[in-house]
Amino acid sequence: MATEALEQNLTDSLVENMTTLSPEYCGAGLNAFYLGYRKVHGYLALAVCIFGLTTNILSIVVLTRKTMVSPTNAILAGLAIADIMVMVMYVPFTLNYYLQAFGRTSFSYGWAVFMLTYVHVTQVFHTVSIWLTVVLAVWRYLAIGHPSLNREWCSMKNTSVAIVSAYIVCPILCIPSYLTFAISPQGNSTDRFVVGFSDLSTYNDKFLEKFNFWMYSVHVKLLPCVILTIFSCCLIHELMKARKRKAALLRKMSSGQSKQSCAEKQAVRTTRMLLAILLLFLLTEFPQGILSLMSGILGKKFLDQCYNRLGDLMDILALINSSMNFIFYCSMSSQFRSTFQQLFMASRWVPVPLKPPSTTEQTECTRL
């Protein structure tokens, strides 16, 4: 997300430049879409950020209640924190860069400092969000595919270690980005500054610049998407197996022999909800990873003519993805809805005490 904004901020004549580029790869149609959508992107992004900040804060409040404590919910809370940080940085960027709410300060030194901070902070926390989504997929697959391993490997202690590790390792993965970009005067101007490539990135035939690009394309985008695709397919396979088991149980129930347990029903519902989160993530991130890889292979022309023109669209999709989890929780988790109602709607409804379930079966059947 940060790299698209940076590419757009390297020059103040990007729109004009786009109209003069030879449409060798993507054609004039994409350029027309870019110019048209850019006019409304700022308003849409601001609305999505406000909605996403609100819903992610609500999600954290609900998911951290004692009755909701579980490894899966801990990961979802960590994911919400990362998404909040991305949107917190995107709001002032949108207000200034797209809506010019603070006047024409887009090229002041203070704005350049903010842009450099914005690039690094959003990249770090978006990377955290991506890898926590991978952890979520692995944890859920172990929960339904290998229950014995799940109890040992996916404990609250190990989950906490995985979350903290994501918040520690991802900033380290982004070190090449810290070294690649720097603030510099625009041309010969003494009062206009932009964020561009650092002097260090130009040494050894731009080795650092190329290394950072491939690091971003592969380790931040494509590799997590490939892992998520594999585990999403595994989850779909497990859901199909669960459906077959349910059909067999229904046949037995008709003869009065057996019935499906509450825990198994809840496991299927939770898996479906998490699978929806994973598939939405893949829908927004995989195309960006592929475009980033193609930019590395085909070079600057493809980057300018295709990747940069889709930057605003990729940003809004990423923001929507970061804002949708609350809707999934409310629509697919009865325990989340119940806890949310108890916390925020007590004045309208009869208050229900937030007490832990009394039995193991109740815990399994009500927890997200």
Protein backbone atom coordinates (compact mmCIF):
# COMPACT_ATOMS: atom_id res chain seq x y z
CA MET A 1 0.00 0.00 0.00
CA ALA A 2 2.77 2.45 0.93
CA THR A 3 4.78 1.89 -2.23
CA GLU A 4 1.88 2.87 -4.48
CA ALA A 5 1.48 6.19 -2.67
CA LEU A 6 5.22 6.80 -2.78
CA GLU A 7 5.38 6.29 -6.51
CA GLN A 8 2.56 8.81 -6.89
CA ASN A 9 4.33 11.34 -4.67
CA LEU A 10 7.75 11.32 -6.37
CA THR A 11 6.67 14.14 -8.73
CA ASP A 12 3.99 16.82 -8.73
CA SER A 13 3.17 16.27 -12.38
CA LEU A 14 2.21 12.60 -12.26
CA VAL A 15 -1.23 13.08 -13.80
CA GLU A 16 0.17 15.07 -16.68
CA ASN A 17 2.93 12.54 -17.20
CA MET A 18 0.46 9.68 -17.32
CA THR A 19 -1.36 11.27 -20.24
CA THR A 20 1.83 11.45 -22.29
CA LEU A 21 3.09 7.92 -21.69
CA SER A 22 2.95 5.58 -24.62
CA PRO A 23 0.27 2.96 -23.79
CA GLU A 24 2.57 0.08 -24.66
CA TYR A 25 1.27 -2.37 -22.04
CA CYS A 26 -2.07 -1.29 -20.61
CA GLY A 27 -3.42 1.19 -23.13
CA ALA A 28 -5.27 4.49 -22.89
CA GLY A 29 -8.37 2.89 -21.35
CA LEU A 30 -6.59 2.19 -18.06
CA ASN A 31 -5.18 5.71 -18.07
CA ALA A 32 -8.70 7.14 -18.50
CA PHE A 33 -9.90 4.98 -15.59
CA TYR A 34 -6.99 6.19 -13.46
CA LEU A 35 -7.73 9.85 -14.13
CA GLY A 36 -11.46 9.40 -13.55
CA TYR A 37 -11.24 7.33 -10.39
CA ARG A 38 -8.57 9.55 -8.87
CA LYS A 39 -11.18 12.34 -8.56
CA VAL A 40 -13.27 10.31 -6.11
CA HIS A 41 -10.61 8.14 -4.48
CA GLY A 42 -9.89 10.58 -1.67
CA TYR A 43 -13.53 10.76 -0.55
CA LEU A 44 -14.02 6.98 -0.78
CA ALA A 45 -10.77 6.26 1.06
CA LEU A 46 -11.63 8.70 3.86
CA ALA A 47 -15.10 7.15 4.30
CA VAL A 48 -13.67 3.60 4.33
CA CYS A 49 -10.97 4.59 6.84
CA ILE A 50 -13.48 6.16 9.23
CA PHE A 51 -15.70 3.08 8.99
CA GLY A 52 -12.73 0.73 9.33
CA LEU A 53 -11.26 2.51 12.33
CA THR A 54 -14.62 2.38 14.11
CA THR A 55 -15.30 -1.29 13.36
CA ASN A 56 -11.78 -2.46 14.18
CA ILE A 57 -11.87 -0.69 17.55
CA LEU A 58 -15.22 -2.32 18.27
CA SER A 59 -13.80 -5.69 17.22
CA ILE A 60 -10.87 -5.36 19.62
CA VAL A 61 -13.19 -4.45 22.50
CA VAL A 62 -15.37 -7.51 21.84
CA LEU A 63 -12.61 -10.01 21.02
CA THR A 64 -10.64 -9.21 24.18
CA ARG A 65 -13.52 -9.92 26.58
CA LYS A 66 -12.88 -12.84 28.96
CA THR A 67 -15.70 -14.86 27.41
CA MET A 68 -14.10 -14.48 23.98
CA VAL A 69 -10.54 -15.45 24.87
CA SER A 70 -9.18 -18.04 22.44
CA PRO A 71 -6.14 -18.39 20.14
CA THR A 72 -8.19 -17.51 17.06
CA ASN A 73 -9.65 -14.39 18.64
CA ALA A 74 -6.22 -13.30 19.86
CA ILE A 75 -4.93 -13.42 16.27
CA LEU A 76 -7.98 -11.50 15.03
CA ALA A 77 -7.39 -8.82 17.68
CA GLY A 78 -3.74 -8.53 16.64
CA LEU A 79 -4.88 -8.25 13.03
CA ALA A 80 -7.31 -5.44 13.94
CA ILE A 81 -4.54 -3.47 15.66
CA ALA A 82 -2.36 -3.64 12.55
CA ASP A 83 -5.25 -2.56 10.33
CA ILE A 84 -5.98 0.38 12.64
CA MET A 85 -2.39 1.61 12.36
CA VAL A 86 -2.54 1.50 8.56
CA MET A 87 -5.77 3.49 8.44
CA VAL A 88 -4.61 5.99 11.07
CA MET A 89 -1.72 6.89 8.76
CA TYR A 90 -3.85 6.86 5.62
CA VAL A 91 -6.34 9.46 6.89
CA PRO A 92 -3.96 12.48 7.01
CA PHE A 93 -2.33 11.28 3.79
CA THR A 94 -5.74 11.32 2.08
CA LEU A 95 -6.75 14.66 3.54
CA ASN A 96 -3.60 16.37 2.33
CA TYR A 97 -2.61 14.54 -0.84
CA TYR A 98 -6.03 13.90 -2.40
CA LEU A 99 -8.37 16.43 -0.77
CA GLN A 100 -5.82 19.17 -0.01
CA ALA A 101 -7.64 19.88 3.22
CA PHE A 102 -4.60 21.66 4.71
CA GLY A 103 -3.80 23.80 1.68
CA ARG A 104 -1.01 23.32 -0.84
CA THR A 105 1.58 21.79 1.50
CA SER A 106 2.23 18.64 -0.48
CA PHE A 107 5.87 19.54 -1.11
CA SER A 108 6.89 21.17 2.17
CA TYR A 109 9.67 19.55 4.21
CA GLY A 110 7.20 18.71 6.97
CA TRP A 111 4.98 16.88 4.50
CA ALA A 112 7.99 15.00 3.12
CA VAL A 113 8.85 13.86 6.66
CA PHE A 114 5.28 12.66 7.13
CA MET A 115 5.35 10.87 3.77
CA LEU A 116 8.56 9.03 4.68
CA THR A 117 7.02 8.05 8.01
CA TYR A 118 3.77 7.06 6.31
CA VAL A 119 5.58 4.84 3.80
CA HIS A 120 7.47 2.91 6.47
CA VAL A 121 4.68 2.66 9.07
CA THR A 122 2.03 1.50 6.61
CA GLN A 123 4.36 -1.01 5.01
CA VAL A 124 5.36 -2.47 8.38
CA PHE A 125 1.83 -2.81 9.72
CA HIS A 126 0.40 -4.02 6.42
CA THR A 127 3.12 -6.68 6.42
CA VAL A 128 2.14 -7.59 9.99
CA SER A 129 -1.48 -7.88 8.88
CA ILE A 130 -0.53 -10.13 5.98
CA TRP A 131 1.53 -12.55 8.03
CA LEU A 132 -1.00 -12.67 10.88
CA THR A 133 -3.54 -13.71 8.27
CA VAL A 134 -1.18 -16.54 7.32
CA VAL A 135 -0.93 -17.55 10.99
CA LEU A 136 -4.74 -17.50 11.21
CA ALA A 137 -5.01 -19.86 8.22
CA VAL A 138 -2.44 -22.29 9.64
CA TRP A 139 -4.03 -22.27 13.10
CA ARG A 140 -7.50 -22.92 11.70
CA TYR A 141 -6.33 -25.76 9.48
CA LEU A 142 -4.66 -27.44 12.46
CA ALA A 143 -7.83 -26.93 14.51
CA ILE A 144 -10.09 -28.79 12.11
CA GLY A 145 -7.64 -31.03 10.25
CA HIS A 146 -5.33 -32.12 13.08
CA PRO A 147 -7.06 -31.58 16.44
CA SER A 148 -4.36 -33.42 18.41
CA LEU A 149 -1.62 -31.16 17.02
CA ASN A 150 -3.84 -28.12 17.49
CA ARG A 151 -4.08 -28.63 21.24
CA GLU A 152 -0.28 -28.81 21.50
CA TRP A 153 0.88 -26.27 18.91
CA CYS A 154 -1.91 -23.68 18.96
CA SER A 155 -2.14 -22.96 22.67
CA MET A 156 -2.64 -19.40 23.92
CA LYS A 157 1.06 -19.24 24.83
CA ASN A 158 2.21 -20.25 21.34
CA THR A 159 -0.36 -17.95 19.77
CA SER A 160 0.94 -15.01 21.80
CA VAL A 161 4.48 -15.86 20.68
CA ALA A 162 3.34 -15.96 17.04
CA ILE A 163 1.60 -12.57 17.31
CA VAL A 164 4.53 -10.89 19.06
CA SER A 165 6.94 -12.46 16.55
CA ALA A 166 4.97 -10.98 13.66
CA TYR A 167 5.21 -7.52 15.22
CA ILE A 168 8.99 -7.97 15.73
CA VAL A 169 10.04 -9.77 12.54
CA CYS A 170 8.03 -7.70 10.05
CA PRO A 171 9.81 -4.42 10.88
CA ILE A 172 13.09 -6.30 10.37
CA LEU A 173 11.91 -7.55 6.97
CA CYS A 174 11.27 -3.93 6.00
CA ILE A 175 14.83 -2.74 6.74
CA PRO A 176 15.72 -2.61 3.01
CA SER A 177 12.83 -0.16 2.56
CA TYR A 178 14.18 2.11 5.30
CA LEU A 179 17.50 2.32 3.45
CA THR A 180 16.02 2.66 -0.02
CA PHE A 181 14.02 5.89 0.42
CA ALA A 182 15.04 9.35 1.62
CA ILE A 183 13.94 12.98 1.53
CA SER A 184 15.53 15.16 -1.13
CA PRO A 185 14.87 18.58 -2.73
CA GLN A 186 12.77 18.52 -5.87
CA GLY A 187 15.10 19.51 -8.66
CA ASN A 188 16.95 22.72 -7.79
CA SER A 189 14.20 23.97 -5.50
CA THR A 190 15.03 24.92 -1.92
CA ASP A 191 11.47 24.85 -0.57
CA ARG A 192 9.97 21.81 -2.29
CA PHE A 193 10.85 18.35 -1.04
CA VAL A 194 9.85 14.83 -2.09
CA VAL A 195 10.48 11.29 -0.93
CA GLY A 196 12.59 9.48 -3.49
CA PHE A 197 15.32 6.90 -3.76
CA SER A 198 18.28 7.43 -1.44
CA ASP A 199 21.87 7.80 -2.62
CA LEU A 200 22.63 4.43 -1.03
CA SER A 201 20.04 2.75 -3.24
CA THR A 202 21.86 3.89 -6.40
CA TYR A 203 25.17 2.16 -5.61
CA ASN A 204 26.24 -1.06 -7.35
CA ASP A 205 23.84 -0.68 -10.26
CA LYS A 206 20.91 0.13 -7.95
CA PHE A 207 21.33 -3.14 -6.07
CA LEU A 208 19.49 -1.98 -2.93
CA GLU A 209 16.58 -0.56 -4.94
CA LYS A 210 16.18 -3.84 -6.85
CA PHE A 211 16.62 -5.94 -3.71
CA ASN A 212 13.96 -3.95 -1.86
CA PHE A 213 11.56 -4.29 -4.77
CA TRP A 214 11.94 -8.07 -4.95
CA MET A 215 11.77 -8.34 -1.16
CA TYR A 216 8.46 -6.47 -1.23
CA SER A 217 7.09 -8.41 -4.19
CA VAL A 218 8.01 -11.87 -2.97
CA HIS A 219 8.16 -11.87 0.84
CA VAL A 220 5.44 -9.30 1.52
CA LYS A 221 3.01 -10.12 -1.30
CA LEU A 222 3.44 -13.34 -3.28
CA LEU A 223 4.81 -15.76 -0.68
CA PRO A 224 2.01 -15.09 1.88
CA CYS A 225 -0.58 -15.30 -0.91
CA VAL A 226 0.77 -18.67 -2.07
CA ILE A 227 0.71 -20.00 1.51
CA LEU A 228 -2.82 -18.67 2.03
CA THR A 229 -3.98 -20.24 -1.23
CA ILE A 230 -2.66 -23.64 -0.13
CA PHE A 231 -4.27 -23.49 3.31
CA SER A 232 -7.51 -22.05 1.94
CA CYS A 233 -7.77 -25.06 -0.37
CA CYS A 234 -7.07 -27.31 2.61
CA LEU A 235 -9.82 -25.60 4.60
CA ILE A 236 -12.27 -25.99 1.73
CA HIS A 237 -11.36 -29.68 1.58
CA GLU A 238 -11.99 -30.03 5.31
CA LEU A 239 -15.35 -28.27 4.97
CA MET A 240 -16.34 -30.71 2.23
CA LYS A 241 -15.38 -33.59 4.51
CA ALA A 242 -17.46 -32.02 7.30
CA ARG A 243 -20.42 -31.74 4.94
CA LYS A 244 -20.13 -35.46 4.12
CA ARG A 245 -19.97 -36.28 7.83
CA LYS A 246 -23.05 -34.15 8.42
CA ALA A 247 -24.92 -35.96 5.66
CA ALA A 248 -23.99 -39.30 7.22
CA LEU A 249 -25.10 -38.08 10.65
CA LEU A 250 -28.40 -36.87 9.26
CA ARG A 251 -29.03 -40.34 7.86
CA LYS A 252 -28.28 -41.82 11.27
CA MET A 253 -30.46 -39.22 12.99
CA SER A 254 -33.38 -40.26 10.85
CA SER A 255 -33.05 -43.71 12.36
CA GLY A 256 -32.43 -42.29 15.84
CA GLN A 257 -28.80 -43.44 16.06
CA SER A 258 -26.77 -40.24 16.40
CA LYS A 259 -26.67 -36.47 16.16
CA GLN A 260 -24.08 -33.86 15.26
CA SER A 261 -22.40 -32.28 18.31
CA CYS A 262 -22.74 -28.61 19.08
CA ALA A 263 -18.94 -28.23 19.00
CA GLU A 264 -18.72 -29.66 15.49
CA LYS A 265 -21.46 -27.34 14.24
CA GLN A 266 -19.67 -24.33 15.69
CA ALA A 267 -16.34 -25.46 14.24
CA VAL A 268 -17.85 -25.55 10.75
CA ARG A 269 -19.44 -22.11 11.15
CA THR A 270 -16.19 -20.60 12.44
CA THR A 271 -14.19 -22.18 9.64
CA ARG A 272 -16.57 -20.75 7.05
CA MET A 273 -16.23 -17.29 8.56
CA LEU A 274 -12.43 -17.44 8.63
CA LEU A 275 -12.37 -18.84 5.11
CA ALA A 276 -14.39 -15.84 3.93
CA ILE A 277 -11.79 -13.55 5.55
CA LEU A 278 -8.95 -15.43 3.84
CA LEU A 279 -10.58 -15.42 0.41
CA LEU A 280 -11.30 -11.68 0.60
CA PHE A 281 -7.68 -11.12 1.55
CA LEU A 282 -6.47 -13.17 -1.42
CA LEU A 283 -8.83 -11.31 -3.74
CA THR A 284 -7.27 -7.98 -2.78
CA GLU A 285 -3.61 -8.96 -2.29
CA PHE A 286 -2.86 -11.59 -4.94
CA PRO A 287 -3.47 -9.31 -7.97
CA GLN A 288 -1.23 -6.68 -6.40
CA GLY A 289 1.51 -9.24 -5.85
CA ILE A 290 1.29 -10.41 -9.45
CA LEU A 291 1.40 -6.83 -10.77
CA SER A 292 4.38 -6.10 -8.54
CA LEU A 293 6.20 -9.16 -9.85
CA MET A 294 5.43 -8.20 -13.46
CA SER A 295 6.78 -4.71 -12.77
CA GLY A 296 10.06 -6.27 -11.67
CA ILE A 297 10.22 -8.45 -14.76
CA LEU A 298 9.01 -5.97 -17.41
CA GLY A 299 10.63 -2.86 -15.95
CA LYS A 300 9.78 0.81 -15.51
CA LYS A 301 7.38 1.11 -18.47
CA PHE A 302 5.04 -1.48 -17.01
CA LEU A 303 5.43 0.12 -13.57
CA ASP A 304 4.44 3.55 -14.92
CA GLN A 305 1.78 2.49 -17.39
CA CYS A 306 0.03 -0.25 -15.39
CA TYR A 307 1.08 -0.63 -11.76
CA ASN A 308 1.03 3.06 -10.82
CA ARG A 309 -2.27 3.66 -12.60
CA LEU A 310 -3.85 0.94 -10.47
CA GLY A 311 -2.29 2.22 -7.24
CA ASP A 312 -5.38 4.06 -6.01
CA LEU A 313 -7.61 1.09 -6.81
CA MET A 314 -5.29 -1.32 -4.97
CA ASP A 315 -5.24 1.04 -1.99
CA ILE A 316 -9.03 1.23 -1.70
CA LEU A 317 -9.34 -2.57 -2.02
CA ALA A 318 -6.78 -3.06 0.75
CA LEU A 319 -8.63 -0.56 2.96
CA ILE A 320 -11.97 -2.29 2.31
CA ASN A 321 -10.39 -5.63 3.15
CA SER A 322 -9.14 -4.18 6.46
CA SER A 323 -12.64 -2.90 7.27
CA MET A 324 -14.75 -5.96 6.45
CA ASN A 325 -13.83 -8.36 9.26
CA PHE A 326 -16.31 -6.79 11.69
CA ILE A 327 -19.12 -7.49 9.23
CA PHE A 328 -18.03 -11.13 8.95
CA TYR A 329 -17.95 -11.48 12.73
CA CYS A 330 -21.44 -10.01 13.15
CA SER A 331 -22.99 -12.02 10.34
CA MET A 332 -21.37 -15.38 11.06
CA SER A 333 -20.64 -15.56 14.81
CA SER A 334 -23.51 -15.72 17.27
CA GLN A 335 -21.11 -15.35 20.23
CA PHE A 336 -19.63 -12.17 18.77
CA ARG A 337 -23.12 -10.74 18.19
CA SER A 338 -24.21 -11.67 21.69
CA THR A 339 -21.12 -10.15 23.33
CA PHE A 340 -21.39 -7.01 21.20
CA GLN A 341 -25.04 -6.62 22.21
CA GLN A 342 -24.23 -7.06 25.89
CA LEU A 343 -21.46 -4.46 25.71
CA PHE A 344 -23.00 -1.75 23.57
CA MET A 345 -26.77 -2.23 23.62
CA ALA A 346 -27.43 -2.84 27.32
CA SER A 347 -29.56 0.28 27.60
CA ARG A 348 -31.94 -0.99 24.92
CA TRP A 349 -32.04 -4.63 25.87
CA VAL A 350 -32.19 -6.52 29.13
CA PRO A 351 -28.57 -6.74 30.35
CA VAL A 352 -27.07 -10.20 30.33
CA PRO A 353 -24.08 -10.82 32.66
CA LEU A 354 -20.85 -11.61 30.83
CA LYS A 355 -20.15 -14.89 32.61
CA PRO A 356 -17.97 -17.68 31.25
CA PRO A 357 -19.83 -20.77 30.05
CA SER A 358 -20.24 -23.34 32.79
CA THR A 359 -19.17 -26.40 30.82
CA THR A 360 -16.58 -27.37 28.27
CA GLU A 361 -19.26 -28.05 25.69
CA GLN A 362 -20.73 -24.58 26.16
CA THR A 363 -17.30 -23.03 25.67
CA GLU A 364 -16.76 -24.93 22.45
CA CYS A 365 -20.21 -24.14 21.15
CA THR A 366 -20.24 -20.40 21.82
CA ARG A 367 -16.68 -19.28 21.29
CA LEU A 368 -15.81 -17.72 17.92
